[in-house]
């Protein structure tokens, strides 16, 4: 379990192709300071288990399902990633409860710089819009953020397909200077992909009320 408060900007050192999986090696002096094999570290919002560590770097095995459902499959050596160690029961909960289980990927569609913050709009994949509410929480690349506005895009002219007619909306977040400085969202641009994890409470409530939770 995590809180979505990024501790460190790490750097991808290597990605080894294992066929149906990959081994990711990341440099992060702060998070590896007290790391042990078996520990959990969120890498841009994806919970990974440390399989080995050496000096200021650690390695973790990434299964095919994770590579498909997140942006980790597109990483290359030199890429920056957000890092957060798992929360301890005695820690402050500065963000919100984040599992590190990515629900899907979104795409940054616009970025509007202001004097003291940037407003970023992110397009949602089909099926996630109903979990997104104004003033609610969402994890973007592992960063706990508050949704400042949200809308729904329905394109009746869209080509027929399995996603046609589904709620493929958008949401906006305001990024303060600290977030811009300490996370990958400081350099992400329109067209870039980000990992999304919606508030897990919304999914539990939906199921308890008899709804169907879609991936």
Protein backbone atom coordinates (compact mmCIF):
# COMPACT_ATOMS: atom_id res chain seq x y z
CA UNK A 1 0.00 0.00 0.00
CA UNK A 2 1.18 3.51 -0.87
CA UNK A 3 0.05 7.10 -0.38
CA UNK A 4 0.88 8.62 -3.76
CA UNK A 5 3.53 10.95 -2.31
CA UNK A 6 6.57 10.53 -4.55
CA UNK A 7 9.83 10.21 -2.61
CA UNK A 8 12.32 10.36 -5.43
CA UNK A 9 12.78 10.68 -9.17
CA UNK A 10 14.56 7.50 -10.23
CA UNK A 11 16.27 6.57 -13.47
CA UNK A 12 15.83 3.38 -15.46
CA UNK A 13 19.22 1.69 -15.75
CA UNK A 14 18.31 -1.38 -17.77
CA UNK A 15 15.39 -3.44 -19.04
CA UNK A 16 16.08 -7.11 -19.72
CA UNK A 17 13.60 -8.95 -21.95
CA UNK A 18 12.63 -12.30 -20.39
CA UNK A 19 10.16 -13.34 -23.06
CA UNK A 20 6.84 -13.23 -21.22
CA UNK A 21 8.25 -10.80 -18.62
CA UNK A 22 11.00 -8.24 -18.12
CA UNK A 23 13.52 -7.38 -15.43
CA UNK A 24 13.59 -3.68 -14.66
CA UNK A 25 16.60 -2.09 -12.97
CA UNK A 26 16.15 1.38 -11.50
CA UNK A 27 18.60 3.75 -9.82
CA UNK A 28 17.18 5.50 -6.76
CA UNK A 29 19.62 6.24 -3.92
CA UNK A 30 16.94 7.38 -1.48
CA UNK A 31 14.52 4.46 -1.77
CA UNK A 32 17.33 1.89 -1.86
CA UNK A 33 18.87 3.22 1.34
CA UNK A 34 17.11 0.62 3.48
CA UNK A 35 15.72 -1.71 0.81
CA UNK A 36 15.58 -5.49 1.20
CA UNK A 37 14.64 -8.23 -1.23
CA UNK A 38 10.89 -8.71 -1.15
CA UNK A 39 10.13 -5.07 -0.38
CA UNK A 40 7.50 -3.23 -2.42
CA UNK A 41 8.35 -0.08 -4.36
CA UNK A 42 5.91 1.80 -6.59
CA UNK A 43 7.53 2.65 -9.93
CA UNK A 44 5.46 5.35 -11.64
CA UNK A 45 2.44 3.99 -9.82
CA UNK A 46 3.07 0.28 -10.38
CA UNK A 47 3.73 -1.84 -7.30
CA UNK A 48 6.83 -3.96 -7.91
CA UNK A 49 8.68 -6.41 -5.67
CA UNK A 50 12.41 -5.94 -5.23
CA UNK A 51 14.22 -9.09 -6.42
CA UNK A 52 17.76 -7.79 -5.97
CA UNK A 53 19.61 -4.60 -5.11
CA UNK A 54 23.14 -3.32 -5.43
CA UNK A 55 24.37 0.04 -4.22
CA UNK A 56 21.91 2.71 -5.28
CA UNK A 57 19.90 0.52 -7.70
CA UNK A 58 17.31 -2.22 -7.42
CA UNK A 59 15.80 -4.75 -9.81
CA UNK A 60 12.26 -6.08 -10.07
CA UNK A 61 10.56 -8.60 -12.35
CA UNK A 62 7.61 -7.22 -14.33
CA UNK A 63 5.03 -9.72 -15.56
CA UNK A 64 3.53 -9.55 -19.06
CA UNK A 65 0.15 -8.43 -17.71
CA UNK A 66 1.78 -5.43 -16.04
CA UNK A 67 3.69 -4.55 -19.20
CA UNK A 68 0.44 -4.60 -21.18
CA UNK A 69 -1.70 -2.66 -18.70
CA UNK A 70 0.81 0.05 -17.78
CA UNK A 71 3.38 2.32 -19.38
CA UNK A 72 6.29 0.27 -17.99
CA UNK A 73 6.46 -1.64 -21.26
CA UNK A 74 7.50 1.53 -23.09
CA UNK A 75 10.32 2.54 -20.75
CA UNK A 76 13.90 2.71 -21.98
CA UNK A 77 17.23 3.16 -20.18
CA UNK A 78 17.59 6.75 -19.05
CA UNK A 79 13.86 7.29 -18.52
CA UNK A 80 12.77 9.04 -15.33
CA UNK A 81 10.30 7.26 -13.05
CA UNK A 82 8.50 8.20 -9.84
CA UNK A 83 9.50 6.11 -6.82
CA UNK A 84 7.73 5.52 -3.52
CA UNK A 85 8.37 2.91 -0.85
CA UNK A 86 5.38 1.15 0.68
CA UNK A 87 3.73 2.97 3.56
CA UNK A 88 4.27 1.93 7.18
CA UNK A 89 1.41 1.99 9.68
CA UNK A 90 3.18 4.74 11.62
CA UNK A 91 3.59 7.00 8.56
CA UNK A 92 1.53 10.09 7.78
CA UNK A 93 -1.06 9.53 5.06
CA UNK A 94 -0.22 12.60 3.02
CA UNK A 95 -2.05 11.55 -0.14
CA UNK A 96 -4.69 8.81 -0.35
CA UNK A 97 -4.66 5.03 -0.22
CA UNK A 98 -2.96 3.76 -3.37
CA UNK A 99 -2.53 0.05 -4.12
CA UNK A 100 -0.09 0.30 -7.00
CA UNK A 101 -2.51 -1.71 -9.18
CA UNK A 102 -2.88 0.27 -12.40
CA UNK A 103 -6.44 0.40 -13.80
CA UNK A 104 -5.36 1.63 -17.21
CA UNK A 105 -3.35 4.26 -19.04
CA UNK A 106 -4.42 7.76 -20.00
CA UNK A 107 -3.03 10.30 -22.42
CA UNK A 108 -2.13 13.89 -21.66
CA UNK A 109 -4.14 16.01 -24.10
CA UNK A 110 -3.26 19.53 -22.97
CA UNK A 111 -1.07 21.48 -20.60
CA UNK A 112 -1.76 25.08 -19.60
CA UNK A 113 0.98 26.81 -17.59
CA UNK A 114 -0.11 29.49 -15.13
CA UNK A 115 1.87 31.73 -12.80
CA UNK A 116 1.91 29.32 -9.86
CA UNK A 117 0.75 25.98 -11.30
CA UNK A 118 0.11 24.00 -14.48
CA UNK A 119 -3.32 22.66 -15.41
CA UNK A 120 -3.05 19.30 -17.15
CA UNK A 121 -5.92 17.52 -18.91
CA UNK A 122 -5.76 13.73 -19.24
CA UNK A 123 -7.98 11.57 -21.45
CA UNK A 124 -9.38 8.50 -19.69
CA UNK A 125 -9.56 5.02 -21.20
CA UNK A 126 -13.07 3.59 -21.65
CA UNK A 127 -14.62 2.30 -18.44
CA UNK A 128 -12.91 4.55 -15.90
CA UNK A 129 -14.87 7.79 -16.23
CA UNK A 130 -17.57 6.76 -13.75
CA UNK A 131 -14.96 6.45 -10.98
CA UNK A 132 -13.71 10.00 -11.49
CA UNK A 133 -15.41 12.80 -9.55
CA UNK A 134 -14.60 16.46 -9.06
CA UNK A 135 -12.54 16.99 -5.88
CA UNK A 136 -11.93 13.24 -5.71
CA UNK A 137 -8.52 11.53 -5.68
CA UNK A 138 -6.67 9.76 -8.48
CA UNK A 139 -3.12 8.42 -8.83
CA UNK A 140 -1.32 9.55 -11.99
CA UNK A 141 2.00 7.78 -12.49
CA UNK A 142 1.83 7.05 -8.78
CA UNK A 143 1.19 10.66 -7.76
CA UNK A 144 -1.79 11.35 -5.52
CA UNK A 145 -3.71 14.22 -7.14
CA UNK A 146 -7.03 15.97 -6.63
CA UNK A 147 -9.34 16.17 -9.63
CA UNK A 148 -10.31 19.81 -10.26
CA UNK A 149 -12.73 19.11 -13.12
CA UNK A 150 -13.96 16.18 -15.19
CA UNK A 151 -16.08 15.63 -18.28
CA UNK A 152 -17.31 12.93 -20.58
CA UNK A 153 -16.52 12.57 -24.28
CA UNK A 154 -18.97 10.62 -26.35
CA UNK A 155 -18.27 10.64 -30.06
CA UNK A 156 -21.30 9.32 -32.01
CA UNK A 157 -19.21 9.33 -35.15
CA UNK A 158 -16.61 7.02 -33.70
CA UNK A 159 -15.80 3.92 -35.71
CA UNK A 160 -17.74 0.88 -34.43
CA UNK A 161 -15.77 -1.31 -32.09
CA UNK A 162 -15.72 -2.82 -28.64
CA UNK A 163 -15.12 0.59 -27.05
CA UNK A 164 -17.69 2.54 -29.08
CA UNK A 165 -20.31 4.24 -26.93
CA UNK A 166 -18.41 3.72 -23.69
CA UNK A 167 -17.57 6.56 -21.34
CA UNK A 168 -14.15 7.73 -22.45
CA UNK A 169 -14.00 10.99 -20.54
CA UNK A 170 -11.29 13.29 -19.27
CA UNK A 171 -10.18 15.00 -16.09
CA UNK A 172 -7.96 17.92 -15.14
CA UNK A 173 -5.48 18.35 -12.30
CA UNK A 174 -3.55 21.39 -11.10
CA UNK A 175 0.14 20.76 -10.49
CA UNK A 176 1.87 22.93 -7.89
CA UNK A 177 5.58 23.82 -8.21
CA UNK A 178 6.58 21.08 -5.75
CA UNK A 179 4.88 18.42 -7.90
CA UNK A 180 6.41 19.85 -11.07
CA UNK A 181 9.88 19.78 -9.51
CA UNK A 182 9.77 16.39 -7.79
CA UNK A 183 7.88 14.15 -10.27
CA UNK A 184 7.81 13.12 -13.91
CA UNK A 185 4.71 15.27 -14.49
CA UNK A 186 7.03 18.25 -14.53
CA UNK A 187 8.24 17.25 -18.00
CA UNK A 188 5.37 15.20 -19.45
CA UNK A 189 3.82 16.74 -22.55
CA UNK A 190 0.61 16.31 -24.61
CA UNK A 191 0.65 12.90 -26.23
CA UNK A 192 2.53 11.24 -23.36
CA UNK A 193 1.04 8.19 -21.64
CA UNK A 194 0.49 8.03 -17.88
CA UNK A 195 -0.56 5.23 -15.51
CA UNK A 196 -3.90 5.70 -13.78
CA UNK A 197 -5.29 4.18 -10.60
CA UNK A 198 -8.75 5.33 -9.55
CA UNK A 199 -9.93 5.44 -5.94
CA UNK A 200 -10.43 1.81 -4.92
CA UNK A 201 -13.30 2.75 -2.58
CA UNK A 202 -15.43 3.69 -5.61
CA UNK A 203 -14.96 0.22 -7.11
CA UNK A 204 -15.92 -1.54 -3.88
CA UNK A 205 -19.03 0.62 -3.50
CA UNK A 206 -20.05 -0.12 -7.08
CA UNK A 207 -19.76 -3.86 -6.56
CA UNK A 208 -21.66 -3.75 -3.26
CA UNK A 209 -24.47 -1.88 -5.01
CA UNK A 210 -24.70 -4.59 -7.65
CA UNK A 211 -22.73 -2.94 -10.42
CA UNK A 212 -20.24 -4.70 -12.64
CA UNK A 213 -16.63 -3.70 -12.27
CA UNK A 214 -14.90 -3.54 -15.60
CA UNK A 215 -11.14 -3.58 -16.00
